[in-house]
PDB file of N, CA and C in Angstrom:
ATOM      1  N   UNK A   1     -67.810  27.145  56.312  1.00  0.00           N
ATOM      2  CA  UNK A   1     -66.402  27.074  55.952  1.00  0.00           C
ATOM      3  C   UNK A   1     -65.914  28.414  55.404  1.00  0.00           C
ATOM      4  N   UNK A   2     -66.742  29.016  54.536  1.00  0.00           N
ATOM      5  CA  UNK A   2     -66.357  30.292  53.949  1.00  0.00           C
ATOM      6  C   UNK A   2     -66.226  31.365  55.014  1.00  0.00           C
ATOM      7  N   UNK A   3     -67.154  31.359  55.982  1.00  0.00           N
ATOM      8  CA  UNK A   3     -67.113  32.361  57.057  1.00  0.00           C
ATOM      9  C   UNK A   3     -65.867  32.161  57.932  1.00  0.00           C
ATOM     10  N   UNK A   4     -65.552  30.896  58.243  1.00  0.00           N
ATOM     11  CA  UNK A   4     -64.365  30.603  59.047  1.00  0.00           C
ATOM     12  C   UNK A   4     -63.109  31.043  58.304  1.00  0.00           C
ATOM     13  N   UNK A   5     -63.061  30.783  57.006  1.00  0.00           N
ATOM     14  CA  UNK A   5     -61.917  31.175  56.194  1.00  0.00           C
ATOM     15  C   UNK A   5     -61.788  32.695  56.155  1.00  0.00           C
ATOM     16  N   UNK A   6     -62.891  33.394  56.019  1.00  0.00           N
ATOM     17  CA  UNK A   6     -62.875  34.853  55.993  1.00  0.00           C
ATOM     18  C   UNK A   6     -62.385  35.409  57.322  1.00  0.00           C
ATOM     19  N   UNK A   7     -62.861  34.855  58.437  1.00  0.00           N
ATOM     20  CA  UNK A   7     -62.414  35.313  59.752  1.00  0.00           C
ATOM     21  C   UNK A   7     -60.921  35.060  59.943  1.00  0.00           C
ATOM     22  N   UNK A   8     -60.455  33.920  59.476  1.00  0.00           N
ATOM     23  CA  UNK A   8     -59.030  33.622  59.595  1.00  0.00           C
ATOM     24  C   UNK A   8     -58.207  34.610  58.777  1.00  0.00           C
ATOM     25  N   UNK A   9     -58.665  34.913  57.562  1.00  0.00           N
ATOM     26  CA  UNK A   9     -57.927  35.861  56.723  1.00  0.00           C
ATOM     27  C   UNK A   9     -57.899  37.245  57.352  1.00  0.00           C
ATOM     28  N   UNK A  10     -59.018  37.675  57.907  1.00  0.00           N
ATOM     29  CA  UNK A  10     -59.061  38.981  58.572  1.00  0.00           C
ATOM     30  C   UNK A  10     -58.076  38.993  59.733  1.00  0.00           C
ATOM     31  N   UNK A  11     -58.080  37.926  60.527  1.00  0.00           N
ATOM     32  CA  UNK A  11     -57.147  37.814  61.648  1.00  0.00           C
ATOM     33  C   UNK A  11     -55.704  37.832  61.154  1.00  0.00           C
ATOM     34  N   UNK A  12     -55.399  37.093  60.089  1.00  0.00           N
ATOM     35  CA  UNK A  12     -54.053  37.038  59.528  1.00  0.00           C
ATOM     36  C   UNK A  12     -53.618  38.415  59.031  1.00  0.00           C
ATOM     37  N   UNK A  13     -54.485  39.100  58.289  1.00  0.00           N
ATOM     38  CA  UNK A  13     -54.144  40.429  57.769  1.00  0.00           C
ATOM     39  C   UNK A  13     -53.945  41.428  58.904  1.00  0.00           C
ATOM     40  N   UNK A  14     -54.761  41.306  59.951  1.00  0.00           N
ATOM     41  CA  UNK A  14     -54.590  42.172  61.119  1.00  0.00           C
ATOM     42  C   UNK A  14     -53.211  41.975  61.733  1.00  0.00           C
ATOM     43  N   UNK A  15     -52.828  40.707  61.963  1.00  0.00           N
ATOM     44  CA  UNK A  15     -51.520  40.421  62.571  1.00  0.00           C
ATOM     45  C   UNK A  15     -50.383  40.951  61.726  1.00  0.00           C
ATOM     46  N   UNK A  16     -50.438  40.722  60.423  1.00  0.00           N
ATOM     47  CA  UNK A  16     -49.365  41.183  59.542  1.00  0.00           C
ATOM     48  C   UNK A  16     -49.308  42.712  59.499  1.00  0.00           C
ATOM     49  N   UNK A  17     -50.457  43.348  59.363  1.00  0.00           N
ATOM     50  CA  UNK A  17     -50.483  44.808  59.331  1.00  0.00           C
ATOM     51  C   UNK A  17     -49.990  45.405  60.633  1.00  0.00           C
ATOM     52  N   UNK A  18     -50.407  44.832  61.747  1.00  0.00           N
ATOM     53  CA  UNK A  18     -49.980  45.328  63.050  1.00  0.00           C
ATOM     54  C   UNK A  18     -48.479  45.129  63.233  1.00  0.00           C
ATOM     55  N   UNK A  19     -47.989  43.946  62.870  1.00  0.00           N
ATOM     56  CA  UNK A  19     -46.574  43.621  63.050  1.00  0.00           C
ATOM     57  C   UNK A  19     -45.683  44.532  62.209  1.00  0.00           C
ATOM     58  N   UNK A  20     -46.029  44.726  60.956  1.00  0.00           N
ATOM     59  CA  UNK A  20     -45.152  45.461  60.046  1.00  0.00           C
ATOM     60  C   UNK A  20     -45.348  46.971  60.152  1.00  0.00           C
ATOM     61  N   UNK A  21     -46.594  47.423  60.190  1.00  0.00           N
ATOM     62  CA  UNK A  21     -46.850  48.849  60.052  1.00  0.00           C
ATOM     63  C   UNK A  21     -47.114  49.586  61.362  1.00  0.00           C
ATOM     64  N   UNK A  22     -47.365  48.873  62.439  1.00  0.00           N
ATOM     65  CA  UNK A  22     -47.617  49.544  63.717  1.00  0.00           C
ATOM     66  C   UNK A  22     -46.554  49.160  64.735  1.00  0.00           C
ATOM     67  N   UNK A  23     -46.430  47.873  65.024  1.00  0.00           N
ATOM     68  CA  UNK A  23     -45.535  47.414  66.081  1.00  0.00           C
ATOM     69  C   UNK A  23     -44.067  47.730  65.779  1.00  0.00           C
ATOM     70  N   UNK A  24     -43.622  47.471  64.589  1.00  0.00           N
ATOM     71  CA  UNK A  24     -42.217  47.697  64.249  1.00  0.00           C
ATOM     72  C   UNK A  24     -41.825  49.172  64.343  1.00  0.00           C
ATOM     73  N   UNK A  25     -42.564  50.095  63.698  1.00  0.00           N
ATOM     74  CA  UNK A  25     -42.173  51.509  63.838  1.00  0.00           C
ATOM     75  C   UNK A  25     -42.244  52.012  65.280  1.00  0.00           C
ATOM     76  N   UNK A  26     -43.237  51.558  66.033  1.00  0.00           N
ATOM     77  CA  UNK A  26     -43.341  51.979  67.435  1.00  0.00           C
ATOM     78  C   UNK A  26     -42.147  51.451  68.225  1.00  0.00           C
ATOM     79  N   UNK A  27     -41.744  50.222  67.969  1.00  0.00           N
ATOM     80  CA  UNK A  27     -40.591  49.646  68.672  1.00  0.00           C
ATOM     81  C   UNK A  27     -39.310  50.411  68.355  1.00  0.00           C
ATOM     82  N   UNK A  28     -39.114  50.769  67.098  1.00  0.00           N
ATOM     83  CA  UNK A  28     -37.919  51.538  66.724  1.00  0.00           C
ATOM     84  C   UNK A  28     -37.942  52.906  67.406  1.00  0.00           C
ATOM     85  N   UNK A  29     -39.088  53.572  67.369  1.00  0.00           N
ATOM     86  CA  UNK A  29     -39.209  54.883  68.011  1.00  0.00           C
ATOM     87  C   UNK A  29     -38.951  54.770  69.516  1.00  0.00           C
ATOM     88  N   UNK A  30     -39.529  53.752  70.151  1.00  0.00           N
ATOM     89  CA  UNK A  30     -39.298  53.533  71.590  1.00  0.00           C
ATOM     90  C   UNK A  30     -37.826  53.299  71.888  1.00  0.00           C
ATOM     91  N   UNK A  31     -37.168  52.499  71.070  1.00  0.00           N
ATOM     92  CA  UNK A  31     -35.749  52.225  71.259  1.00  0.00           C
ATOM     93  C   UNK A  31     -34.949  53.523  71.227  1.00  0.00           C
ATOM     94  N   UNK A  32     -35.230  54.365  70.229  1.00  0.00           N
ATOM     95  CA  UNK A  32     -34.481  55.620  70.085  1.00  0.00           C
ATOM     96  C   UNK A  32     -34.733  56.540  71.278  1.00  0.00           C
ATOM     97  N   UNK A  33     -35.970  56.696  71.666  1.00  0.00           N
ATOM     98  CA  UNK A  33     -36.298  57.590  72.784  1.00  0.00           C
ATOM     99  C   UNK A  33     -35.697  57.079  74.089  1.00  0.00           C
ATOM    100  N   UNK A  34     -35.784  55.788  74.320  1.00  0.00           N
ATOM    101  CA  UNK A  34     -35.242  55.212  75.556  1.00  0.00           C
ATOM    102  C   UNK A  34     -33.716  55.356  75.582  1.00  0.00           C
ATOM    103  N   UNK A  35     -33.052  55.067  74.463  1.00  0.00           N
ATOM    104  CA  UNK A  35     -31.597  55.206  74.426  1.00  0.00           C
ATOM    105  C   UNK A  35     -31.188  56.654  74.651  1.00  0.00           C
ATOM    106  N   UNK A  36     -31.906  57.558  74.045  1.00  0.00           N
ATOM    107  CA  UNK A  36     -31.590  58.975  74.231  1.00  0.00           C
ATOM    108  C   UNK A  36     -31.769  59.364  75.696  1.00  0.00           C
ATOM    109  N   UNK A  37     -32.869  58.921  76.269  1.00  0.00           N
ATOM    110  CA  UNK A  37     -33.155  59.272  77.660  1.00  0.00           C
ATOM    111  C   UNK A  37     -32.120  58.667  78.609  1.00  0.00           C
ATOM    112  N   UNK A  38     -31.809  57.401  78.429  1.00  0.00           N
ATOM    113  CA  UNK A  38     -30.897  56.720  79.353  1.00  0.00           C
ATOM    114  C   UNK A  38     -29.434  57.108  79.132  1.00  0.00           C
ATOM    115  N   UNK A  39     -29.037  57.242  77.886  1.00  0.00           N
ATOM    116  CA  UNK A  39     -27.623  57.522  77.609  1.00  0.00           C
ATOM    117  C   UNK A  39     -27.306  59.009  77.581  1.00  0.00           C
ATOM    118  N   UNK A  40     -28.002  59.713  76.740  1.00  0.00           N
ATOM    119  CA  UNK A  40     -27.626  61.094  76.459  1.00  0.00           C
ATOM    120  C   UNK A  40     -27.916  62.009  77.638  1.00  0.00           C
ATOM    121  N   UNK A  41     -29.084  61.897  78.198  1.00  0.00           N
ATOM    122  CA  UNK A  41     -29.446  62.813  79.270  1.00  0.00           C
ATOM    123  C   UNK A  41     -28.710  62.531  80.572  1.00  0.00           C
ATOM    124  N   UNK A  42     -28.131  61.344  80.707  1.00  0.00           N
ATOM    125  CA  UNK A  42     -27.431  61.004  81.948  1.00  0.00           C
ATOM    126  C   UNK A  42     -25.916  61.082  81.831  1.00  0.00           C
ATOM    127  N   UNK A  43     -25.386  61.139  80.620  1.00  0.00           N
ATOM    128  CA  UNK A  43     -23.937  61.206  80.422  1.00  0.00           C
ATOM    129  C   UNK A  43     -23.627  62.571  79.806  1.00  0.00           C
ATOM    130  N   UNK A  44     -22.918  63.390  80.557  1.00  0.00           N
ATOM    131  CA  UNK A  44     -22.771  64.804  80.201  1.00  0.00           C
ATOM    132  C   UNK A  44     -22.052  65.033  78.871  1.00  0.00           C
ATOM    133  N   UNK A  45     -20.976  64.281  78.578  1.00  0.00           N
ATOM    134  CA  UNK A  45     -20.260  64.551  77.331  1.00  0.00           C
ATOM    135  C   UNK A  45     -21.091  64.152  76.105  1.00  0.00           C
ATOM    136  N   UNK A  46     -21.986  63.175  76.249  1.00  0.00           N
ATOM    137  CA  UNK A  46     -22.887  62.825  75.145  1.00  0.00           C
ATOM    138  C   UNK A  46     -23.963  63.886  74.952  1.00  0.00           C
ATOM    139  N   UNK A  47     -24.328  64.515  76.036  1.00  0.00           N
ATOM    140  CA  UNK A  47     -25.311  65.602  75.952  1.00  0.00           C
ATOM    141  C   UNK A  47     -24.754  66.760  75.127  1.00  0.00           C
ATOM    142  N   UNK A  48     -23.440  66.971  75.170  1.00  0.00           N
ATOM    143  CA  UNK A  48     -22.810  68.010  74.357  1.00  0.00           C
ATOM    144  C   UNK A  48     -22.864  67.622  72.873  1.00  0.00           C
ATOM    145  N   UNK A  49     -22.607  66.325  72.576  1.00  0.00           N
ATOM    146  CA  UNK A  49     -22.656  65.856  71.190  1.00  0.00           C
ATOM    147  C   UNK A  49     -24.070  65.863  70.618  1.00  0.00           C
ATOM    148  N   UNK A  50     -25.033  65.497  71.432  1.00  0.00           N
ATOM    149  CA  UNK A  50     -26.426  65.400  70.998  1.00  0.00           C
ATOM    150  C   UNK A  50     -27.319  66.237  71.912  1.00  0.00           C
ATOM    151  N   UNK A  51     -27.330  67.555  71.754  1.00  0.00           N
ATOM    152  CA  UNK A  51     -28.137  68.386  72.649  1.00  0.00           C
ATOM    153  C   UNK A  51     -29.644  68.221  72.436  1.00  0.00           C
ATOM    154  N   UNK A  52     -30.036  67.737  71.258  1.00  0.00           N
ATOM    155  CA  UNK A  52     -31.460  67.553  70.972  1.00  0.00           C
ATOM    156  C   UNK A  52     -31.689  66.131  70.461  1.00  0.00           C
ATOM    157  N   UNK A  53     -32.877  65.646  70.670  1.00  0.00           N
ATOM    158  CA  UNK A  53     -33.255  64.312  70.198  1.00  0.00           C
ATOM    159  C   UNK A  53     -33.138  64.227  68.678  1.00  0.00           C
ATOM    160  N   UNK A  54     -33.459  65.286  67.986  1.00  0.00           N
ATOM    161  CA  UNK A  54     -33.376  65.285  66.522  1.00  0.00           C
ATOM    162  C   UNK A  54     -31.959  64.994  66.036  1.00  0.00           C
ATOM    163  N   UNK A  55     -30.954  65.574  66.660  1.00  0.00           N
ATOM    164  CA  UNK A  55     -29.565  65.308  66.268  1.00  0.00           C
ATOM    165  C   UNK A  55     -29.209  63.839  66.507  1.00  0.00           C
ATOM    166  N   UNK A  56     -29.667  63.325  67.622  1.00  0.00           N
ATOM    167  CA  UNK A  56     -29.436  61.916  67.946  1.00  0.00           C
ATOM    168  C   UNK A  56     -30.070  61.021  66.876  1.00  0.00           C
ATOM    169  N   UNK A  57     -31.292  61.336  66.496  1.00  0.00           N
ATOM    170  CA  UNK A  57     -31.995  60.556  65.472  1.00  0.00           C
ATOM    171  C   UNK A  57     -31.245  60.624  64.148  1.00  0.00           C
ATOM    172  N   UNK A  58     -30.805  61.815  63.758  1.00  0.00           N
ATOM    173  CA  UNK A  58     -30.112  61.975  62.475  1.00  0.00           C
ATOM    174  C   UNK A  58     -28.799  61.203  62.406  1.00  0.00           C
ATOM    175  N   UNK A  59     -28.165  60.988  63.544  1.00  0.00           N
ATOM    176  CA  UNK A  59     -26.909  60.228  63.575  1.00  0.00           C
ATOM    177  C   UNK A  59     -27.167  58.734  63.796  1.00  0.00           C
ATOM    178  N   UNK A  60     -28.027  58.403  64.732  1.00  0.00           N
ATOM    179  CA  UNK A  60     -28.204  57.009  65.140  1.00  0.00           C
ATOM    180  C   UNK A  60     -29.028  56.195  64.139  1.00  0.00           C
ATOM    181  N   UNK A  61     -30.074  56.771  63.569  1.00  0.00           N
ATOM    182  CA  UNK A  61     -30.941  56.004  62.663  1.00  0.00           C
ATOM    183  C   UNK A  61     -30.173  55.464  61.450  1.00  0.00           C
ATOM    184  N   UNK A  62     -29.344  56.260  60.772  1.00  0.00           N
ATOM    185  CA  UNK A  62     -28.579  55.657  59.661  1.00  0.00           C
ATOM    186  C   UNK A  62     -27.631  54.545  60.121  1.00  0.00           C
ATOM    187  N   UNK A  63     -26.985  54.732  61.257  1.00  0.00           N
ATOM    188  CA  UNK A  63     -26.100  53.686  61.782  1.00  0.00           C
ATOM    189  C   UNK A  63     -26.909  52.443  62.138  1.00  0.00           C
ATOM    190  N   UNK A  64     -28.033  52.642  62.815  1.00  0.00           N
ATOM    191  CA  UNK A  64     -28.912  51.538  63.182  1.00  0.00           C
ATOM    192  C   UNK A  64     -29.414  50.807  61.937  1.00  0.00           C
ATOM    193  N   UNK A  65     -29.748  51.558  60.900  1.00  0.00           N
ATOM    194  CA  UNK A  65     -30.229  50.971  59.650  1.00  0.00           C
ATOM    195  C   UNK A  65     -29.155  50.084  59.021  1.00  0.00           C
ATOM    196  N   UNK A  66     -27.935  50.592  58.918  1.00  0.00           N
ATOM    197  CA  UNK A  66     -26.839  49.823  58.307  1.00  0.00           C
ATOM    198  C   UNK A  66     -26.553  48.564  59.116  1.00  0.00           C
ATOM    199  N   UNK A  67     -26.489  48.692  60.421  1.00  0.00           N
ATOM    200  CA  UNK A  67     -26.225  47.524  61.277  1.00  0.00           C
ATOM    201  C   UNK A  67     -27.346  46.490  61.125  1.00  0.00           C
ATOM    202  N   UNK A  68     -28.596  46.939  61.099  1.00  0.00           N
ATOM    203  CA  UNK A  68     -29.721  46.017  60.955  1.00  0.00           C
ATOM    204  C   UNK A  68     -29.683  45.304  59.604  1.00  0.00           C
ATOM    205  N   UNK A  69     -29.343  46.028  58.546  1.00  0.00           N
ATOM    206  CA  UNK A  69     -29.246  45.410  57.219  1.00  0.00           C
ATOM    207  C   UNK A  69     -28.128  44.371  57.193  1.00  0.00           C
ATOM    208  N   UNK A  70     -26.987  44.708  57.752  1.00  0.00           N
ATOM    209  CA  UNK A  70     -25.871  43.754  57.776  1.00  0.00           C
ATOM    210  C   UNK A  70     -26.208  42.512  58.597  1.00  0.00           C
ATOM    211  N   UNK A  71     -26.851  42.707  59.743  1.00  0.00           N
ATOM    212  CA  UNK A  71     -27.249  41.549  60.556  1.00  0.00           C
ATOM    213  C   UNK A  71     -28.304  40.709  59.844  1.00  0.00           C
ATOM    214  N   UNK A  72     -29.245  41.368  59.197  1.00  0.00           N
ATOM    215  CA  UNK A  72     -30.264  40.637  58.442  1.00  0.00           C
ATOM    216  C   UNK A  72     -29.668  39.847  57.298  1.00  0.00           C
ATOM    217  N   UNK A  73     -28.711  40.447  56.600  1.00  0.00           N
ATOM    218  CA  UNK A  73     -28.045  39.745  55.496  1.00  0.00           C
ATOM    219  C   UNK A  73     -27.251  38.553  56.021  1.00  0.00           C
ATOM    220  N   UNK A  74     -26.543  38.750  57.132  1.00  0.00           N
ATOM    221  CA  UNK A  74     -25.783  37.644  57.725  1.00  0.00           C
ATOM    222  C   UNK A  74     -26.716  36.496  58.109  1.00  0.00           C
ATOM    223  N   UNK A  75     -27.821  36.844  58.756  1.00  0.00           N
ATOM    224  CA  UNK A  75     -28.781  35.818  59.174  1.00  0.00           C
ATOM    225  C   UNK A  75     -29.335  35.080  57.966  1.00  0.00           C
ATOM    226  N   UNK A  76     -29.605  35.809  56.899  1.00  0.00           N
ATOM    227  CA  UNK A  76     -30.165  35.194  55.702  1.00  0.00           C
ATOM    228  C   UNK A  76     -29.141  34.324  54.982  1.00  0.00           C
ATOM    229  N   UNK A  77     -27.908  34.820  54.857  1.00  0.00           N
ATOM    230  CA  UNK A  77     -26.892  34.105  54.086  1.00  0.00           C
ATOM    231  C   UNK A  77     -26.201  32.997  54.867  1.00  0.00           C
ATOM    232  N   UNK A  78     -25.837  33.256  56.135  1.00  0.00           N
ATOM    233  CA  UNK A  78     -25.001  32.306  56.874  1.00  0.00           C
ATOM    234  C   UNK A  78     -25.621  31.856  58.189  1.00  0.00           C
ATOM    235  N   UNK A  79     -26.703  32.446  58.558  1.00  0.00           N
ATOM    236  CA  UNK A  79     -27.256  32.163  59.876  1.00  0.00           C
ATOM    237  C   UNK A  79     -28.300  31.067  59.848  1.00  0.00           C
ATOM    238  N   UNK A  80     -29.339  31.286  60.593  1.00  0.00           N
ATOM    239  CA  UNK A  80     -30.351  30.264  60.827  1.00  0.00           C
ATOM    240  C   UNK A  80     -31.537  30.349  59.859  1.00  0.00           C
ATOM    241  N   UNK A  81     -31.475  31.213  58.843  1.00  0.00           N
ATOM    242  CA  UNK A  81     -32.642  31.409  57.996  1.00  0.00           C
ATOM    243  C   UNK A  81     -33.088  30.123  57.310  1.00  0.00           C
ATOM    244  N   UNK A  82     -32.139  29.367  56.750  1.00  0.00           N
ATOM    245  CA  UNK A  82     -32.530  28.157  56.023  1.00  0.00           C
ATOM    246  C   UNK A  82     -33.156  27.127  56.966  1.00  0.00           C
ATOM    247  N   UNK A  83     -32.639  27.026  58.182  1.00  0.00           N
ATOM    248  CA  UNK A  83     -33.219  26.091  59.136  1.00  0.00           C
ATOM    249  C   UNK A  83     -34.620  26.534  59.557  1.00  0.00           C
ATOM    250  N   UNK A  84     -34.795  27.842  59.768  1.00  0.00           N
ATOM    251  CA  UNK A  84     -36.110  28.347  60.138  1.00  0.00           C
ATOM    252  C   UNK A  84     -37.107  28.145  59.003  1.00  0.00           C
ATOM    253  N   UNK A  85     -36.664  28.382  57.769  1.00  0.00           N
ATOM    254  CA  UNK A  85     -37.539  28.177  56.611  1.00  0.00           C
ATOM    255  C   UNK A  85     -37.928  26.704  56.498  1.00  0.00           C
ATOM    256  N   UNK A  86     -36.984  25.802  56.768  1.00  0.00           N
ATOM    257  CA  UNK A  86     -37.274  24.372  56.720  1.00  0.00           C
ATOM    258  C   UNK A  86     -38.323  23.991  57.761  1.00  0.00           C
ATOM    259  N   UNK A  87     -38.144  24.482  58.983  1.00  0.00           N
ATOM    260  CA  UNK A  87     -39.095  24.162  60.052  1.00  0.00           C
ATOM    261  C   UNK A  87     -40.478  24.703  59.706  1.00  0.00           C
ATOM    262  N   UNK A  88     -40.549  25.926  59.182  1.00  0.00           N
ATOM    263  CA  UNK A  88     -41.841  26.490  58.800  1.00  0.00           C
ATOM    264  C   UNK A  88     -42.480  25.673  57.683  1.00  0.00           C
ATOM    265  N   UNK A  89     -41.674  25.271  56.713  1.00  0.00           N
ATOM    266  CA  UNK A  89     -42.208  24.473  55.610  1.00  0.00           C
ATOM    267  C   UNK A  89     -42.740  23.134  56.116  1.00  0.00           C
ATOM    268  N   UNK A  90     -42.030  22.533  57.062  1.00  0.00           N
ATOM    269  CA  UNK A  90     -42.465  21.228  57.575  1.00  0.00           C
ATOM    270  C   UNK A  90     -43.731  21.348  58.422  1.00  0.00           C
ATOM    271  N   UNK A  91     -43.985  22.513  58.981  1.00  0.00           N
ATOM    272  CA  UNK A  91     -45.206  22.727  59.770  1.00  0.00           C
ATOM    273  C   UNK A  91     -46.401  23.044  58.877  1.00  0.00           C
ATOM    274  N   UNK A  92     -46.135  23.389  57.622  1.00  0.00           N
ATOM    275  CA  UNK A  92     -47.189  23.773  56.703  1.00  0.00           C
ATOM    276  C   UNK A  92     -47.954  22.523  56.256  1.00  0.00           C
ATOM    277  N   UNK A  93     -49.280  22.482  56.450  1.00  0.00           N
ATOM    278  CA  UNK A  93     -50.045  21.284  56.069  1.00  0.00           C
ATOM    279  C   UNK A  93     -50.007  21.008  54.570  1.00  0.00           C
ATOM    280  N   UNK A  94     -49.928  22.034  53.754  1.00  0.00           N
ATOM    281  CA  UNK A  94     -49.861  21.818  52.307  1.00  0.00           C
ATOM    282  C   UNK A  94     -48.542  21.155  51.945  1.00  0.00           C
ATOM    283  N   UNK A  95     -47.451  21.603  52.576  1.00  0.00           N
ATOM    284  CA  UNK A  95     -46.157  20.968  52.346  1.00  0.00           C
ATOM    285  C   UNK A  95     -46.207  19.509  52.764  1.00  0.00           C
ATOM    286  N   UNK A  96     -46.860  19.223  53.870  1.00  0.00           N
ATOM    287  CA  UNK A  96     -46.978  17.839  54.332  1.00  0.00           C
ATOM    288  C   UNK A  96     -47.717  16.975  53.307  1.00  0.00           C
ATOM    289  N   UNK A  97     -48.805  17.509  52.750  1.00  0.00           N
ATOM    290  CA  UNK A  97     -49.562  16.756  51.733  1.00  0.00           C
ATOM    291  C   UNK A  97     -48.703  16.505  50.500  1.00  0.00           C
ATOM    292  N   UNK A  98     -47.975  17.537  50.068  1.00  0.00           N
ATOM    293  CA  UNK A  98     -47.118  17.391  48.892  1.00  0.00           C
ATOM    294  C   UNK A  98     -46.045  16.343  49.131  1.00  0.00           C
ATOM    295  N   UNK A  99     -45.415  16.386  50.307  1.00  0.00           N
ATOM    296  CA  UNK A  99     -44.367  15.406  50.618  1.00  0.00           C
ATOM    297  C   UNK A  99     -44.911  13.986  50.677  1.00  0.00           C
ATOM    298  N   UNK A 100     -46.101  13.812  51.247  1.00  0.00           N
ATOM    299  CA  UNK A 100     -46.715  12.478  51.285  1.00  0.00           C
ATOM    300  C   UNK A 100     -46.999  11.969  49.879  1.00  0.00           C
ATOM    301  N   UNK A 101     -47.515  12.868  49.029  1.00  0.00           N
ATOM    302  CA  UNK A 101     -47.788  12.454  47.646  1.00  0.00           C
ATOM    303  C   UNK A 101     -46.506  12.143  46.903  1.00  0.00           C
ATOM    304  N   UNK A 102     -45.459  12.933  47.132  1.00  0.00           N
ATOM    305  CA  UNK A 102     -44.176  12.649  46.488  1.00  0.00           C
ATOM    306  C   UNK A 102     -43.602  11.316  46.958  1.00  0.00           C
ATOM    307  N   UNK A 103     -43.738  11.017  48.235  1.00  0.00           N
ATOM    308  CA  UNK A 103     -43.282   9.715  48.747  1.00  0.00           C
ATOM    309  C   UNK A 103     -44.039   8.578  48.076  1.00  0.00           C
ATOM    310  N   UNK A 104     -45.335   8.762  47.915  1.00  0.00           N
ATOM    311  CA  UNK A 104     -46.162   7.738  47.265  1.00  0.00           C
ATOM    312  C   UNK A 104     -45.741   7.554  45.806  1.00  0.00           C
ATOM    313  N   UNK A 105     -45.506   8.650  45.110  1.00  0.00           N
ATOM    314  CA  UNK A 105     -45.073   8.581  43.715  1.00  0.00           C
ATOM    315  C   UNK A 105     -43.715   7.901  43.619  1.00  0.00           C
ATOM    316  N   UNK A 106     -42.802   8.249  44.535  1.00  0.00           N
ATOM    317  CA  UNK A 106     -41.475   7.643  44.530  1.00  0.00           C
ATOM    318  C   UNK A 106     -41.559   6.135  44.766  1.00  0.00           C
ATOM    319  N   UNK A 107     -42.417   5.730  45.680  1.00  0.00           N
ATOM    320  CA  UNK A 107     -42.598   4.300  45.962  1.00  0.00           C
ATOM    321  C   UNK A 107     -43.163   3.587  44.737  1.00  0.00           C
ATOM    322  N   UNK A 108     -44.145   4.204  44.110  1.00  0.00           N
ATOM    323  CA  UNK A 108     -44.740   3.591  42.917  1.00  0.00           C
ATOM    324  C   UNK A 108     -43.734   3.512  41.772  1.00  0.00           C
ATOM    325  N   UNK A 109     -42.872   4.519  41.631  1.00  0.00           N
ATOM    326  CA  UNK A 109     -41.843   4.471  40.596  1.00  0.00           C
ATOM    327  C   UNK A 109     -40.839   3.354  40.850  1.00  0.00           C
ATOM    328  N   UNK A 110     -40.478   3.166  42.119  1.00  0.00           N
ATOM    329  CA  UNK A 110     -39.565   2.058  42.448  1.00  0.00           C
ATOM    330  C   UNK A 110     -40.212   0.719  42.105  1.00  0.00           C
ATOM    331  N   UNK A 111     -41.478   0.574  42.453  1.00  0.00           N
ATOM    332  CA  UNK A 111     -42.187  -0.671  42.140  1.00  0.00           C
ATOM    333  C   UNK A 111     -42.272  -0.876  40.632  1.00  0.00           C
ATOM    334  N   UNK A 112     -42.506   0.189  39.890  1.00  0.00           N
ATOM    335  CA  UNK A 112     -42.588   0.106  38.439  1.00  0.00           C
ATOM    336  C   UNK A 112     -41.247  -0.282  37.840  1.00  0.00           C
ATOM    337  N   UNK A 113     -40.160   0.266  38.362  1.00  0.00           N
ATOM    338  CA  UNK A 113     -38.822  -0.103  37.898  1.00  0.00           C
ATOM    339  C   UNK A 113     -38.549  -1.580  38.135  1.00  0.00           C
ATOM    340  N   UNK A 114     -38.960  -2.067  39.302  1.00  0.00           N
ATOM    341  CA  UNK A 114     -38.775  -3.488  39.617  1.00  0.00           C
ATOM    342  C   UNK A 114     -39.564  -4.367  38.654  1.00  0.00           C
ATOM    343  N   UNK A 115     -40.790  -3.970  38.359  1.00  0.00           N
ATOM    344  CA  UNK A 115     -41.602  -4.729  37.404  1.00  0.00           C
ATOM    345  C   UNK A 115     -40.966  -4.752  36.026  1.00  0.00           C
ATOM    346  N   UNK A 116     -40.438  -3.611  35.597  1.00  0.00           N
ATOM    347  CA  UNK A 116     -39.793  -3.528  34.294  1.00  0.00           C
ATOM    348  C   UNK A 116     -38.550  -4.405  34.266  1.00  0.00           C
ATOM    349  N   UNK A 117     -37.753  -4.421  35.335  1.00  0.00           N
ATOM    350  CA  UNK A 117     -36.560  -5.270  35.403  1.00  0.00           C
ATOM    351  C   UNK A 117     -36.932  -6.740  35.353  1.00  0.00           C
ATOM    352  N   UNK A 118     -38.026  -7.093  36.065  1.00  0.00           N
ATOM    353  CA  UNK A 118     -38.430  -8.498  36.084  1.00  0.00           C
ATOM    354  C   UNK A 118     -38.897  -8.974  34.725  1.00  0.00           C
ATOM    355  N   UNK A 119     -39.508  -8.134  33.933  1.00  0.00           N
ATOM    356  CA  UNK A 119     -40.051  -8.524  32.627  1.00  0.00           C
ATOM    357  C   UNK A 119     -38.985  -8.534  31.552  1.00  0.00           C
ATOM    358  N   UNK A 120     -37.859  -7.899  31.808  1.00  0.00           N
ATOM    359  CA  UNK A 120     -36.787  -7.887  30.785  1.00  0.00           C
ATOM    360  C   UNK A 120     -35.749  -8.850  31.168  1.00  0.00           C
TER     361      UNK A 120
END
C-alpha cells in the first residue's frame, strides 16, 4: 500500500510540475512565436510596427496577461468555476464519505427529535 501510494504521489507531482512549470510556459511561448510568424511576417504594415520578435513580445505579453487575468476573474466570479468545483468535489471519494456520514447523522438526529417529541 505504501509503495502504491508513493508511486501515485510521484505521478501526481510529475503531472502538476509538468502542467504548471513546463507545459504552460512552452504553450505561451509557442502561441507568441506562431502569432508573430503568421501575423507579423505575412502582413506588411504589422511588420513595420513589430520589426523584431522582441518588440512584439514587449507589447503583446502585457496585453495577453491583462486579458488572461480578466477572463480568469470572470470565470471565477461569474462563470463555471463553482459548478466545476462542485463536480470535482462530488467525484472526490473523501467528500463522498463525508456526505454519507452527514446523511447518517442527519437521519439519526431526525429520529432522535421524533423520540423526544413522543416522550414529551
